[in-house]
Amino acid sequence: MDNTLRLIDILLFDGLNILDVAGPVQAFSSSNADGPERYRLRFVSADGKGVLSSCGLKLQADARATLDGTQDLLVPGGQGVDRALQDTRILDILAGWPSKGGNRRVLSICSGALILASAGLLKGKNATTHWRRAAQAHQQFPEVHWATEALYHIDGNVMTSAGVASGIDLALEIIRRDHGNAVALSVARELVVYLKRSGGQNQFTDLLEAQFSSDRELGRLVDALQDNPGADWTLETMADTAGLTPRTLSRRFSASSGLTPVKYLERYRLKRAADVLAGGAPVGSAIRVSGFSDFQQMQRAFKRHLNTTVGEYRDKFADT
């Protein structure tokens, strides 16, 4: 865990998606609210001039993008990505980023991963991007190990996230790694991070409590459940993973999050399925990504926790 100040440049270009910028930028900024300055943000463009986002909002750059004077570079996505892929000024800056050495990181949000790939930064690496860009990503950049159903991938100092709001998920994970669970949880609560849904804002806060638990054994189990939610989990196999007895695991897990381990897994699967459906992906992808055994199991979970069917949820909340 590194508690030093990190400097982040946010690359601006015409046609970017404003949420690709606003989401992670607000997360990093909010982490500064309760004490020391943890992240200092600067907005840069290829020529140092302002840009026009895809929604029509104008954004002013602080400076021209260079290879000097910062540690991290955040690259958003949006409709303007295809033009940015042809901008040699942007590609040259990205291509030279690793040459400066140190612990410099590069982050992409949504389709911004295609710009990283075009600059050669994703060759041989695991990466994700917006699901609508999956076919283009595989076709244009076959040397990248694309896993476009993941919310984000961290492969060394190269970090990619999927569609739009998943940039917040990536930012929270970076904050957690840089400054610990407590800071990341504080930011998540401040941003009221939750699914696109009709229920209350605290509907999935129990998942956040478990995710950012300071209990080492519970944290090990939660990581395993999230890495492989489709495994044949039982209370006994969960207890083995945590290194606890089933009784002790149930008691400590419930005390930490208000859920039993089995109920947490169901709700985590539900959240992953709902995230995928809300992004417009097909039902089959939601089943595969979430770890539900079949459609009927997923349907029962939606009815039990969200009081709706899978079809009704997708029709109401999918971004299509």
C-alpha atoms as a PDB file:
ATOM      1  CA  MET A   1       0.000   0.000   0.000  1.00  0.00           C
ATOM      2  CA  ASP A   2       1.460   3.326  -1.130  1.00  0.00           C
ATOM      3  CA  ASN A   3       0.251   6.390   0.767  1.00  0.00           C
ATOM      4  CA  THR A   4       2.177   8.942  -1.287  1.00  0.00           C
ATOM      5  CA  LEU A   5       0.493  11.497  -3.517  1.00  0.00           C
ATOM      6  CA  ARG A   6      -0.110  10.289  -7.070  1.00  0.00           C
ATOM      7  CA  LEU A   7      -0.409  12.614 -10.050  1.00  0.00           C
ATOM      8  CA  ILE A   8      -2.939  11.636 -12.712  1.00  0.00           C
ATOM      9  CA  ASP A   9      -3.345  13.197 -16.145  1.00  0.00           C
ATOM     10  CA  ILE A  10      -6.751  12.732 -17.769  1.00  0.00           C
ATOM     11  CA  LEU A  11      -6.456  12.691 -21.546  1.00  0.00           C
ATOM     12  CA  LEU A  12      -9.162  14.695 -23.301  1.00  0.00           C
ATOM     13  CA  PHE A  13     -10.153  14.406 -26.961  1.00  0.00           C
ATOM     14  CA  ASP A  14     -13.180  15.372 -29.029  1.00  0.00           C
ATOM     15  CA  GLY A  15     -16.070  12.942 -28.771  1.00  0.00           C
ATOM     16  CA  LEU A  16     -15.135  11.409 -25.429  1.00  0.00           C
ATOM     17  CA  ASN A  17     -17.873  10.040 -23.181  1.00  0.00           C
ATOM     18  CA  ILE A  18     -18.251  12.492 -20.300  1.00  0.00           C
ATOM     19  CA  LEU A  19     -19.070   9.705 -17.804  1.00  0.00           C
ATOM     20  CA  ASP A  20     -15.810   7.951 -18.646  1.00  0.00           C
ATOM     21  CA  VAL A  21     -14.098  11.036 -17.262  1.00  0.00           C
ATOM     22  CA  ALA A  22     -16.494  12.130 -14.534  1.00  0.00           C
ATOM     23  CA  GLY A  23     -16.931   8.744 -12.823  1.00  0.00           C
ATOM     24  CA  PRO A  24     -13.337   7.806 -12.008  1.00  0.00           C
ATOM     25  CA  VAL A  25     -12.240  11.435 -11.611  1.00  0.00           C
ATOM     26  CA  GLN A  26     -14.907  11.979  -8.943  1.00  0.00           C
ATOM     27  CA  ALA A  27     -13.857   8.782  -7.165  1.00  0.00           C
ATOM     28  CA  PHE A  28     -10.212   9.864  -7.039  1.00  0.00           C
ATOM     29  CA  SER A  29     -11.200  13.377  -6.003  1.00  0.00           C
ATOM     30  CA  SER A  30     -13.542  12.132  -3.269  1.00  0.00           C
ATOM     31  CA  SER A  31     -10.694  10.141  -1.722  1.00  0.00           C
ATOM     32  CA  ASN A  32      -9.040  13.473  -0.883  1.00  0.00           C
ATOM     33  CA  ALA A  33     -11.999  14.712   1.152  1.00  0.00           C
ATOM     34  CA  ASP A  34     -11.175  13.247   4.573  1.00  0.00           C
ATOM     35  CA  GLY A  35      -7.549  14.196   5.027  1.00  0.00           C
ATOM     36  CA  PRO A  36      -4.359  14.123   2.988  1.00  0.00           C
ATOM     37  CA  GLU A  37      -4.305  14.782  -0.733  1.00  0.00           C
ATOM     38  CA  ARG A  38      -4.020  11.342  -2.273  1.00  0.00           C
ATOM     39  CA  TYR A  39      -4.518  12.142  -5.965  1.00  0.00           C
ATOM     40  CA  ARG A  40      -3.817  15.349  -7.877  1.00  0.00           C
ATOM     41  CA  LEU A  41      -5.660  15.511 -11.181  1.00  0.00           C
ATOM     42  CA  ARG A  42      -4.840  17.415 -14.341  1.00  0.00           C
ATOM     43  CA  PHE A  43      -6.741  17.534 -17.623  1.00  0.00           C
ATOM     44  CA  VAL A  44      -4.622  17.422 -20.770  1.00  0.00           C
ATOM     45  CA  SER A  45      -5.198  17.227 -24.524  1.00  0.00           C
ATOM     46  CA  ALA A  46      -2.949  16.599 -27.506  1.00  0.00           C
ATOM     47  CA  ASP A  47      -2.684  20.331 -28.288  1.00  0.00           C
ATOM     48  CA  GLY A  48      -3.516  21.797 -24.873  1.00  0.00           C
ATOM     49  CA  LYS A  49      -6.856  23.135 -26.119  1.00  0.00           C
ATOM     50  CA  GLY A  50     -10.363  22.345 -24.956  1.00  0.00           C
ATOM     51  CA  VAL A  51     -12.470  19.547 -26.408  1.00  0.00           C
ATOM     52  CA  LEU A  52     -16.130  18.839 -27.110  1.00  0.00           C
ATOM     53  CA  SER A  53     -17.539  15.711 -25.482  1.00  0.00           C
ATOM     54  CA  SER A  54     -20.042  13.448 -27.254  1.00  0.00           C
ATOM     55  CA  CYS A  55     -22.919  14.947 -25.252  1.00  0.00           C
ATOM     56  CA  GLY A  56     -21.965  18.499 -26.248  1.00  0.00           C
ATOM     57  CA  LEU A  57     -20.320  19.539 -22.980  1.00  0.00           C
ATOM     58  CA  LYS A  58     -17.098  21.477 -23.531  1.00  0.00           C
ATOM     59  CA  LEU A  59     -14.107  20.553 -21.401  1.00  0.00           C
ATOM     60  CA  GLN A  60     -11.108  22.823 -20.879  1.00  0.00           C
ATOM     61  CA  ALA A  61      -7.617  21.330 -20.780  1.00  0.00           C
ATOM     62  CA  ASP A  62      -5.078  22.473 -18.211  1.00  0.00           C
ATOM     63  CA  ALA A  63      -2.091  21.690 -20.380  1.00  0.00           C
ATOM     64  CA  ARG A  64      -0.781  19.881 -23.428  1.00  0.00           C
ATOM     65  CA  ALA A  65      -0.224  16.159 -22.907  1.00  0.00           C
ATOM     66  CA  THR A  66       3.450  15.225 -22.554  1.00  0.00           C
ATOM     67  CA  LEU A  67       5.511  12.360 -21.218  1.00  0.00           C
ATOM     68  CA  ASP A  68       6.801  14.411 -18.305  1.00  0.00           C
ATOM     69  CA  GLY A  69       5.610  15.548 -14.925  1.00  0.00           C
ATOM     70  CA  THR A  70       3.033  12.927 -13.989  1.00  0.00           C
ATOM     71  CA  GLN A  71       2.744   9.322 -12.844  1.00  0.00           C
ATOM     72  CA  ASP A  72      -0.540   8.016 -14.235  1.00  0.00           C
ATOM     73  CA  LEU A  73      -2.496   8.624 -17.421  1.00  0.00           C
ATOM     74  CA  LEU A  74      -6.245   7.987 -17.718  1.00  0.00           C
ATOM     75  CA  VAL A  75      -7.670   7.475 -21.218  1.00  0.00           C
ATOM     76  CA  PRO A  76     -11.473   7.628 -21.596  1.00  0.00           C
ATOM     77  CA  GLY A  77     -13.585   6.172 -24.388  1.00  0.00           C
ATOM     78  CA  GLY A  78     -16.511   7.403 -26.415  1.00  0.00           C
ATOM     79  CA  GLN A  79     -17.576   8.069 -29.978  1.00  0.00           C
ATOM     80  CA  GLY A  80     -14.358   9.968 -30.607  1.00  0.00           C
ATOM     81  CA  VAL A  81     -12.167   6.908 -30.059  1.00  0.00           C
ATOM     82  CA  ASP A  82     -12.080   6.016 -33.757  1.00  0.00           C
ATOM     83  CA  ARG A  83     -10.648   9.435 -34.599  1.00  0.00           C
ATOM     84  CA  ALA A  84      -8.247   9.237 -31.673  1.00  0.00           C
ATOM     85  CA  LEU A  85      -6.958   5.927 -33.037  1.00  0.00           C
ATOM     86  CA  GLN A  86      -5.602   7.896 -35.999  1.00  0.00           C
ATOM     87  CA  ASP A  87      -4.111  10.741 -33.948  1.00  0.00           C
ATOM     88  CA  THR A  88      -0.347  10.206 -33.956  1.00  0.00           C
ATOM     89  CA  ARG A  89       0.129  12.803 -31.226  1.00  0.00           C
ATOM     90  CA  ILE A  90      -1.932  10.712 -28.799  1.00  0.00           C
ATOM     91  CA  LEU A  91      -0.446   7.393 -29.894  1.00  0.00           C
ATOM     92  CA  ASP A  92       3.124   8.696 -29.596  1.00  0.00           C
ATOM     93  CA  ILE A  93       2.523   9.860 -26.044  1.00  0.00           C
ATOM     94  CA  LEU A  94       1.020   6.519 -25.055  1.00  0.00           C
ATOM     95  CA  ALA A  95       3.703   4.494 -26.810  1.00  0.00           C
ATOM     96  CA  GLY A  96       6.396   6.363 -24.914  1.00  0.00           C
ATOM     97  CA  TRP A  97       4.714   6.110 -21.526  1.00  0.00           C
ATOM     98  CA  PRO A  98       6.484   2.938 -20.302  1.00  0.00           C
ATOM     99  CA  SER A  99       9.869   4.276 -21.381  1.00  0.00           C
ATOM    100  CA  LYS A 100       9.899   6.717 -18.476  1.00  0.00           C
ATOM    101  CA  GLY A 101      10.079   3.797 -16.049  1.00  0.00           C
ATOM    102  CA  GLY A 102       9.196   3.965 -12.387  1.00  0.00           C
ATOM    103  CA  ASN A 103       5.731   3.050 -11.202  1.00  0.00           C
ATOM    104  CA  ARG A 104       3.841   4.927 -13.898  1.00  0.00           C
ATOM    105  CA  ARG A 105       0.419   3.493 -14.679  1.00  0.00           C
ATOM    106  CA  VAL A 106      -1.962   3.859 -17.579  1.00  0.00           C
ATOM    107  CA  LEU A 107      -5.710   3.441 -17.161  1.00  0.00           C
ATOM    108  CA  SER A 108      -8.403   3.131 -19.806  1.00  0.00           C
ATOM    109  CA  ILE A 109     -12.134   3.513 -19.405  1.00  0.00           C
ATOM    110  CA  CYS A 110     -14.586   1.835 -21.765  1.00  0.00           C
ATOM    111  CA  SER A 111     -13.458   1.929 -25.423  1.00  0.00           C
ATOM    112  CA  GLY A 112     -10.356   3.892 -24.434  1.00  0.00           C
ATOM    113  CA  ALA A 113      -8.692   0.465 -24.276  1.00  0.00           C
ATOM    114  CA  LEU A 114      -8.619   0.454 -28.076  1.00  0.00           C
ATOM    115  CA  ILE A 115      -6.374   3.518 -27.995  1.00  0.00           C
ATOM    116  CA  LEU A 116      -4.023   1.733 -25.589  1.00  0.00           C
ATOM    117  CA  ALA A 117      -4.012  -1.285 -27.879  1.00  0.00           C
ATOM    118  CA  SER A 118      -3.288   0.854 -30.925  1.00  0.00           C
ATOM    119  CA  ALA A 119      -0.275   2.322 -29.114  1.00  0.00           C
ATOM    120  CA  GLY A 120       1.025  -1.178 -28.364  1.00  0.00           C
ATOM    121  CA  LEU A 121       0.473  -1.059 -24.598  1.00  0.00           C
ATOM    122  CA  LEU A 122      -1.839  -4.081 -24.426  1.00  0.00           C
ATOM    123  CA  LYS A 123       0.169  -6.576 -26.458  1.00  0.00           C
ATOM    124  CA  GLY A 124       0.124  -9.908 -24.626  1.00  0.00           C
ATOM    125  CA  LYS A 125      -1.876  -8.451 -21.747  1.00  0.00           C
ATOM    126  CA  ASN A 126      -5.309  -9.215 -20.319  1.00  0.00           C
ATOM    127  CA  ALA A 127      -7.716  -6.373 -21.024  1.00  0.00           C
ATOM    128  CA  THR A 128     -11.369  -5.459 -21.311  1.00  0.00           C
ATOM    129  CA  THR A 129     -13.418  -2.817 -23.080  1.00  0.00           C
ATOM    130  CA  HIS A 130     -17.052  -1.958 -23.752  1.00  0.00           C
ATOM    131  CA  TRP A 131     -18.970  -5.017 -24.918  1.00  0.00           C
ATOM    132  CA  ARG A 132     -20.184  -3.151 -28.032  1.00  0.00           C
ATOM    133  CA  ARG A 133     -16.538  -2.841 -29.084  1.00  0.00           C
ATOM    134  CA  ALA A 134     -15.687  -6.506 -28.487  1.00  0.00           C
ATOM    135  CA  ALA A 135     -15.797  -7.584 -32.132  1.00  0.00           C
ATOM    136  CA  GLN A 136     -13.716  -4.586 -33.213  1.00  0.00           C
ATOM    137  CA  ALA A 137     -11.213  -5.214 -30.422  1.00  0.00           C
ATOM    138  CA  HIS A 138     -10.707  -8.871 -31.363  1.00  0.00           C
ATOM    139  CA  GLN A 139     -10.446  -8.096 -35.057  1.00  0.00           C
ATOM    140  CA  GLN A 140      -8.096  -5.113 -34.893  1.00  0.00           C
ATOM    141  CA  PHE A 141      -5.945  -6.207 -31.959  1.00  0.00           C
ATOM    142  CA  PRO A 142      -5.723 -10.020 -31.847  1.00  0.00           C
ATOM    143  CA  GLU A 143      -2.470  -9.834 -29.888  1.00  0.00           C
ATOM    144  CA  VAL A 144      -4.434  -8.689 -26.816  1.00  0.00           C
ATOM    145  CA  HIS A 145      -6.040 -11.210 -24.454  1.00  0.00           C
ATOM    146  CA  TRP A 146      -9.503  -9.668 -24.502  1.00  0.00           C
ATOM    147  CA  ALA A 147     -11.946 -10.625 -21.720  1.00  0.00           C
ATOM    148  CA  THR A 148     -14.755  -8.198 -22.456  1.00  0.00           C
ATOM    149  CA  GLU A 149     -17.186  -9.672 -19.941  1.00  0.00           C
ATOM    150  CA  ALA A 150     -15.021  -8.490 -17.031  1.00  0.00           C
ATOM    151  CA  LEU A 151     -15.700  -5.154 -15.343  1.00  0.00           C
ATOM    152  CA  TYR A 152     -11.988  -4.397 -15.250  1.00  0.00           C
ATOM    153  CA  HIS A 153      -8.566  -5.964 -15.604  1.00  0.00           C
ATOM    154  CA  ILE A 154      -5.354  -4.986 -13.850  1.00  0.00           C
ATOM    155  CA  ASP A 155      -2.291  -6.396 -15.589  1.00  0.00           C
ATOM    156  CA  GLY A 156       0.763  -4.875 -13.973  1.00  0.00           C
ATOM    157  CA  ASN A 157       0.765  -1.121 -14.540  1.00  0.00           C
ATOM    158  CA  VAL A 158      -1.846  -1.312 -17.313  1.00  0.00           C
ATOM    159  CA  MET A 159      -5.440  -1.140 -16.118  1.00  0.00           C
ATOM    160  CA  THR A 160      -8.544  -1.380 -18.303  1.00  0.00           C
ATOM    161  CA  SER A 161     -12.238  -1.161 -17.499  1.00  0.00           C
ATOM    162  CA  ALA A 162     -15.375  -2.064 -19.410  1.00  0.00           C
ATOM    163  CA  GLY A 163     -18.353   0.121 -20.292  1.00  0.00           C
ATOM    164  CA  VAL A 164     -18.764   3.592 -18.838  1.00  0.00           C
ATOM    165  CA  ALA A 165     -19.724   3.189 -15.146  1.00  0.00           C
ATOM    166  CA  SER A 166     -17.223   0.371 -14.645  1.00  0.00           C
ATOM    167  CA  GLY A 167     -14.594   3.111 -14.580  1.00  0.00           C
ATOM    168  CA  ILE A 168     -15.794   3.783 -11.040  1.00  0.00           C
ATOM    169  CA  ASP A 169     -15.250   0.117 -10.159  1.00  0.00           C
ATOM    170  CA  LEU A 170     -11.695   0.320 -11.458  1.00  0.00           C
ATOM    171  CA  ALA A 171     -11.040   3.587  -9.633  1.00  0.00           C
ATOM    172  CA  LEU A 172     -12.298   2.091  -6.350  1.00  0.00           C
ATOM    173  CA  GLU A 173     -10.011  -0.918  -6.763  1.00  0.00           C
ATOM    174  CA  ILE A 174      -7.049   1.367  -7.438  1.00  0.00           C
ATOM    175  CA  ILE A 175      -7.900   3.447  -4.371  1.00  0.00           C
ATOM    176  CA  ARG A 176      -8.192   0.259  -2.318  1.00  0.00           C
ATOM    177  CA  ARG A 177      -4.793  -0.965  -3.465  1.00  0.00           C
ATOM    178  CA  ASP A 178      -3.175   2.435  -2.958  1.00  0.00           C
ATOM    179  CA  HIS A 179      -4.746   3.466   0.333  1.00  0.00           C
ATOM    180  CA  GLY A 180      -6.598   0.545   1.877  1.00  0.00           C
ATOM    181  CA  ASN A 181     -10.099  -0.776   2.388  1.00  0.00           C
ATOM    182  CA  ALA A 182     -11.357   1.980   4.664  1.00  0.00           C
ATOM    183  CA  VAL A 183     -10.637   4.782   2.183  1.00  0.00           C
ATOM    184  CA  ALA A 184     -12.150   2.850  -0.724  1.00  0.00           C
ATOM    185  CA  LEU A 185     -15.280   2.020   1.250  1.00  0.00           C
ATOM    186  CA  SER A 186     -15.653   5.658   2.288  1.00  0.00           C
ATOM    187  CA  VAL A 187     -15.521   6.736  -1.359  1.00  0.00           C
ATOM    188  CA  ALA A 188     -18.003   4.038  -2.410  1.00  0.00           C
ATOM    189  CA  ARG A 189     -20.455   5.195   0.231  1.00  0.00           C
ATOM    190  CA  GLU A 190     -19.988   8.826  -0.745  1.00  0.00           C
ATOM    191  CA  LEU A 191     -20.735   8.046  -4.402  1.00  0.00           C
ATOM    192  CA  VAL A 192     -23.662   5.765  -3.440  1.00  0.00           C
ATOM    193  CA  VAL A 193     -22.404   3.111  -5.853  1.00  0.00           C
ATOM    194  CA  TYR A 194     -25.252   0.767  -6.756  1.00  0.00           C
ATOM    195  CA  LEU A 195     -27.005  -0.935  -9.654  1.00  0.00           C
ATOM    196  CA  LYS A 196     -29.358   0.847 -12.053  1.00  0.00           C
ATOM    197  CA  ARG A 197     -32.533  -0.307 -10.301  1.00  0.00           C
ATOM    198  CA  SER A 198     -35.830   0.837  -8.931  1.00  0.00           C
ATOM    199  CA  GLY A 199     -35.055  -0.145  -5.327  1.00  0.00           C
ATOM    200  CA  GLY A 200     -33.534   1.859  -2.503  1.00  0.00           C
ATOM    201  CA  GLN A 201     -29.989   3.195  -2.508  1.00  0.00           C
ATOM    202  CA  ASN A 202     -28.831   0.829   0.233  1.00  0.00           C
ATOM    203  CA  GLN A 203     -29.937  -2.310  -1.617  1.00  0.00           C
ATOM    204  CA  PHE A 204     -26.421  -3.710  -2.092  1.00  0.00           C
ATOM    205  CA  THR A 205     -24.452  -1.944   0.636  1.00  0.00           C
ATOM    206  CA  ASP A 206     -24.043  -5.305   2.388  1.00  0.00           C
ATOM    207  CA  LEU A 207     -21.898  -6.423  -0.546  1.00  0.00           C
ATOM    208  CA  LEU A 208     -19.687  -3.397  -0.086  1.00  0.00           C
ATOM    209  CA  GLU A 209     -19.292  -4.152   3.615  1.00  0.00           C
ATOM    210  CA  ALA A 210     -18.133  -7.687   2.822  1.00  0.00           C
ATOM    211  CA  GLN A 211     -15.900  -6.605  -0.069  1.00  0.00           C
ATOM    212  CA  PHE A 212     -14.013  -4.105   2.072  1.00  0.00           C
ATOM    213  CA  SER A 213     -13.907  -6.186   5.246  1.00  0.00           C
ATOM    214  CA  SER A 214     -10.664  -5.876   7.205  1.00  0.00           C
ATOM    215  CA  ASP A 215     -10.980  -9.507   8.315  1.00  0.00           C
ATOM    216  CA  ARG A 216      -8.154 -11.343   6.523  1.00  0.00           C
ATOM    217  CA  GLU A 217      -9.864 -14.746   6.344  1.00  0.00           C
ATOM    218  CA  LEU A 218     -13.158 -13.269   5.134  1.00  0.00           C
ATOM    219  CA  GLY A 219     -11.310 -11.141   2.595  1.00  0.00           C
ATOM    220  CA  ARG A 220      -9.625 -14.258   1.199  1.00  0.00           C
ATOM    221  CA  LEU A 221     -13.002 -15.952   0.802  1.00  0.00           C
ATOM    222  CA  VAL A 222     -14.681 -12.916  -0.764  1.00  0.00           C
ATOM    223  CA  ASP A 223     -11.847 -12.645  -3.304  1.00  0.00           C
ATOM    224  CA  ALA A 224     -12.265 -16.321  -4.183  1.00  0.00           C
ATOM    225  CA  LEU A 225     -16.037 -16.019  -4.543  1.00  0.00           C
ATOM    226  CA  GLN A 226     -15.687 -12.998  -6.795  1.00  0.00           C
ATOM    227  CA  ASP A 227     -12.959 -14.626  -8.890  1.00  0.00           C
ATOM    228  CA  ASN A 228     -15.039 -17.768  -9.470  1.00  0.00           C
ATOM    229  CA  PRO A 229     -18.720 -17.254  -8.586  1.00  0.00           C
ATOM    230  CA  GLY A 230     -19.783 -20.227 -10.735  1.00  0.00           C
ATOM    231  CA  ALA A 231     -17.859 -22.814  -8.729  1.00  0.00           C
ATOM    232  CA  ASP A 232     -19.765 -25.479  -6.808  1.00  0.00           C
ATOM    233  CA  TRP A 233     -19.600 -23.564  -3.546  1.00  0.00           C
ATOM    234  CA  THR A 234     -20.943 -25.035  -0.306  1.00  0.00           C
ATOM    235  CA  LEU A 235     -20.566 -23.746   3.229  1.00  0.00           C
ATOM    236  CA  GLU A 236     -17.906 -26.395   3.765  1.00  0.00           C
ATOM    237  CA  THR A 237     -15.813 -25.418   0.711  1.00  0.00           C
ATOM    238  CA  MET A 238     -16.184 -21.754   1.667  1.00  0.00           C
ATOM    239  CA  ALA A 239     -14.939 -22.529   5.158  1.00  0.00           C
ATOM    240  CA  ASP A 240     -11.956 -24.445   3.744  1.00  0.00           C
ATOM    241  CA  THR A 241     -11.058 -21.475   1.539  1.00  0.00           C
ATOM    242  CA  ALA A 242     -11.234 -19.097   4.495  1.00  0.00           C
ATOM    243  CA  GLY A 243      -9.325 -21.493   6.749  1.00  0.00           C
ATOM    244  CA  LEU A 244     -12.147 -21.532   9.304  1.00  0.00           C
ATOM    245  CA  THR A 245     -14.730 -23.978  10.560  1.00  0.00           C
ATOM    246  CA  PRO A 246     -18.191 -23.625   8.968  1.00  0.00           C
ATOM    247  CA  ARG A 247     -19.654 -22.425  12.265  1.00  0.00           C
ATOM    248  CA  THR A 248     -16.948 -19.797  12.800  1.00  0.00           C
ATOM    249  CA  LEU A 249     -17.202 -18.637   9.198  1.00  0.00           C
ATOM    250  CA  SER A 250     -20.975 -18.193   9.419  1.00  0.00           C
ATOM    251  CA  ARG A 251     -20.706 -16.272  12.666  1.00  0.00           C
ATOM    252  CA  ARG A 252     -17.920 -13.926  11.532  1.00  0.00           C
ATOM    253  CA  PHE A 253     -19.349 -13.381   8.053  1.00  0.00           C
ATOM    254  CA  SER A 254     -22.783 -12.492   9.430  1.00  0.00           C
ATOM    255  CA  ALA A 255     -21.259 -10.149  11.981  1.00  0.00           C
ATOM    256  CA  SER A 256     -19.239  -8.404   9.249  1.00  0.00           C
ATOM    257  CA  SER A 257     -21.889  -7.996   6.539  1.00  0.00           C
ATOM    258  CA  GLY A 258     -25.243  -9.064   7.955  1.00  0.00           C
ATOM    259  CA  LEU A 259     -25.338 -11.964   5.478  1.00  0.00           C
ATOM    260  CA  THR A 260     -24.535 -15.636   5.628  1.00  0.00           C
ATOM    261  CA  PRO A 261     -21.763 -16.678   3.207  1.00  0.00           C
ATOM    262  CA  VAL A 262     -24.263 -18.573   1.031  1.00  0.00           C
ATOM    263  CA  LYS A 263     -26.638 -15.610   0.882  1.00  0.00           C
ATOM    264  CA  TYR A 264     -23.744 -13.281   0.049  1.00  0.00           C
ATOM    265  CA  LEU A 265     -22.804 -15.471  -2.922  1.00  0.00           C
ATOM    266  CA  GLU A 266     -26.368 -15.395  -4.236  1.00  0.00           C
ATOM    267  CA  ARG A 267     -26.555 -11.627  -3.938  1.00  0.00           C
ATOM    268  CA  TYR A 268     -23.132 -11.202  -5.543  1.00  0.00           C
ATOM    269  CA  ARG A 269     -24.209 -13.387  -8.464  1.00  0.00           C
ATOM    270  CA  LEU A 270     -27.365 -11.306  -8.720  1.00  0.00           C
ATOM    271  CA  LYS A 271     -25.408  -8.058  -8.810  1.00  0.00           C
ATOM    272  CA  ARG A 272     -23.081  -9.330 -11.543  1.00  0.00           C
ATOM    273  CA  ALA A 273     -26.025 -10.557 -13.611  1.00  0.00           C
ATOM    274  CA  ALA A 274     -27.872  -7.259 -13.193  1.00  0.00           C
ATOM    275  CA  ASP A 275     -24.760  -5.262 -14.154  1.00  0.00           C
ATOM    276  CA  VAL A 276     -24.423  -7.251 -17.374  1.00  0.00           C
ATOM    277  CA  LEU A 277     -28.125  -7.004 -18.243  1.00  0.00           C
ATOM    278  CA  ALA A 278     -28.157  -3.270 -17.487  1.00  0.00           C
ATOM    279  CA  GLY A 279     -25.385  -2.856 -20.039  1.00  0.00           C
ATOM    280  CA  GLY A 280     -27.533  -4.456 -22.732  1.00  0.00           C
ATOM    281  CA  ALA A 281     -25.804  -7.861 -22.933  1.00  0.00           C
ATOM    282  CA  PRO A 282     -27.891 -10.986 -23.622  1.00  0.00           C
ATOM    283  CA  VAL A 283     -29.319 -13.194 -20.883  1.00  0.00           C
ATOM    284  CA  GLY A 284     -26.896 -16.000 -21.718  1.00  0.00           C
ATOM    285  CA  SER A 285     -23.947 -13.740 -20.964  1.00  0.00           C
ATOM    286  CA  ALA A 286     -25.506 -12.749 -17.631  1.00  0.00           C
ATOM    287  CA  ILE A 287     -25.825 -16.403 -16.624  1.00  0.00           C
ATOM    288  CA  ARG A 288     -22.255 -17.190 -17.655  1.00  0.00           C
ATOM    289  CA  VAL A 289     -20.660 -14.146 -16.008  1.00  0.00           C
ATOM    290  CA  SER A 290     -22.644 -14.291 -12.764  1.00  0.00           C
ATOM    291  CA  GLY A 291     -22.153 -17.971 -12.035  1.00  0.00           C
ATOM    292  CA  PHE A 292     -25.817 -18.949 -11.820  1.00  0.00           C
ATOM    293  CA  SER A 293     -26.255 -22.578 -12.850  1.00  0.00           C
ATOM    294  CA  ASP A 294     -29.148 -21.872 -15.217  1.00  0.00           C
ATOM    295  CA  PHE A 295     -31.839 -19.368 -16.121  1.00  0.00           C
ATOM    296  CA  GLN A 296     -34.321 -20.609 -13.544  1.00  0.00           C
ATOM    297  CA  GLN A 297     -31.874 -20.131 -10.680  1.00  0.00           C
ATOM    298  CA  MET A 298     -31.182 -16.571 -11.866  1.00  0.00           C
ATOM    299  CA  GLN A 299     -34.885 -15.892 -12.324  1.00  0.00           C
ATOM    300  CA  ARG A 300     -35.650 -16.953  -8.754  1.00  0.00           C
ATOM    301  CA  ALA A 301     -32.937 -14.657  -7.414  1.00  0.00           C
ATOM    302  CA  PHE A 302     -34.300 -11.661  -9.347  1.00  0.00           C
ATOM    303  CA  LYS A 303     -37.811 -12.299  -8.054  1.00  0.00           C
ATOM    304  CA  ARG A 304     -36.637 -12.833  -4.469  1.00  0.00           C
ATOM    305  CA  HIS A 305     -34.316  -9.821  -4.163  1.00  0.00           C
ATOM    306  CA  LEU A 306     -35.479  -7.321  -6.808  1.00  0.00           C
ATOM    307  CA  ASN A 307     -39.162  -8.263  -7.024  1.00  0.00           C
ATOM    308  CA  THR A 308     -38.986  -8.479 -10.807  1.00  0.00           C
ATOM    309  CA  THR A 309     -38.241 -10.990 -13.540  1.00  0.00           C
ATOM    310  CA  VAL A 310     -35.041 -11.109 -15.568  1.00  0.00           C
ATOM    311  CA  GLY A 311     -36.927  -9.993 -18.688  1.00  0.00           C
ATOM    312  CA  GLU A 312     -38.652  -7.094 -16.937  1.00  0.00           C
ATOM    313  CA  TYR A 313     -35.362  -5.924 -15.434  1.00  0.00           C
ATOM    314  CA  ARG A 314     -33.534  -6.003 -18.760  1.00  0.00           C
ATOM    315  CA  ASP A 315     -36.366  -4.228 -20.584  1.00  0.00           C
ATOM    316  CA  LYS A 316     -36.524  -1.471 -17.956  1.00  0.00           C
ATOM    317  CA  PHE A 317     -32.867  -0.859 -17.193  1.00  0.00           C
ATOM    318  CA  ALA A 318     -30.853  -2.063 -20.159  1.00  0.00           C
ATOM    319  CA  ASP A 319     -28.954   0.685 -21.946  1.00  0.00           C
ATOM    320  CA  THR A 320     -30.142  -0.249 -25.428  1.00  0.00           C
END
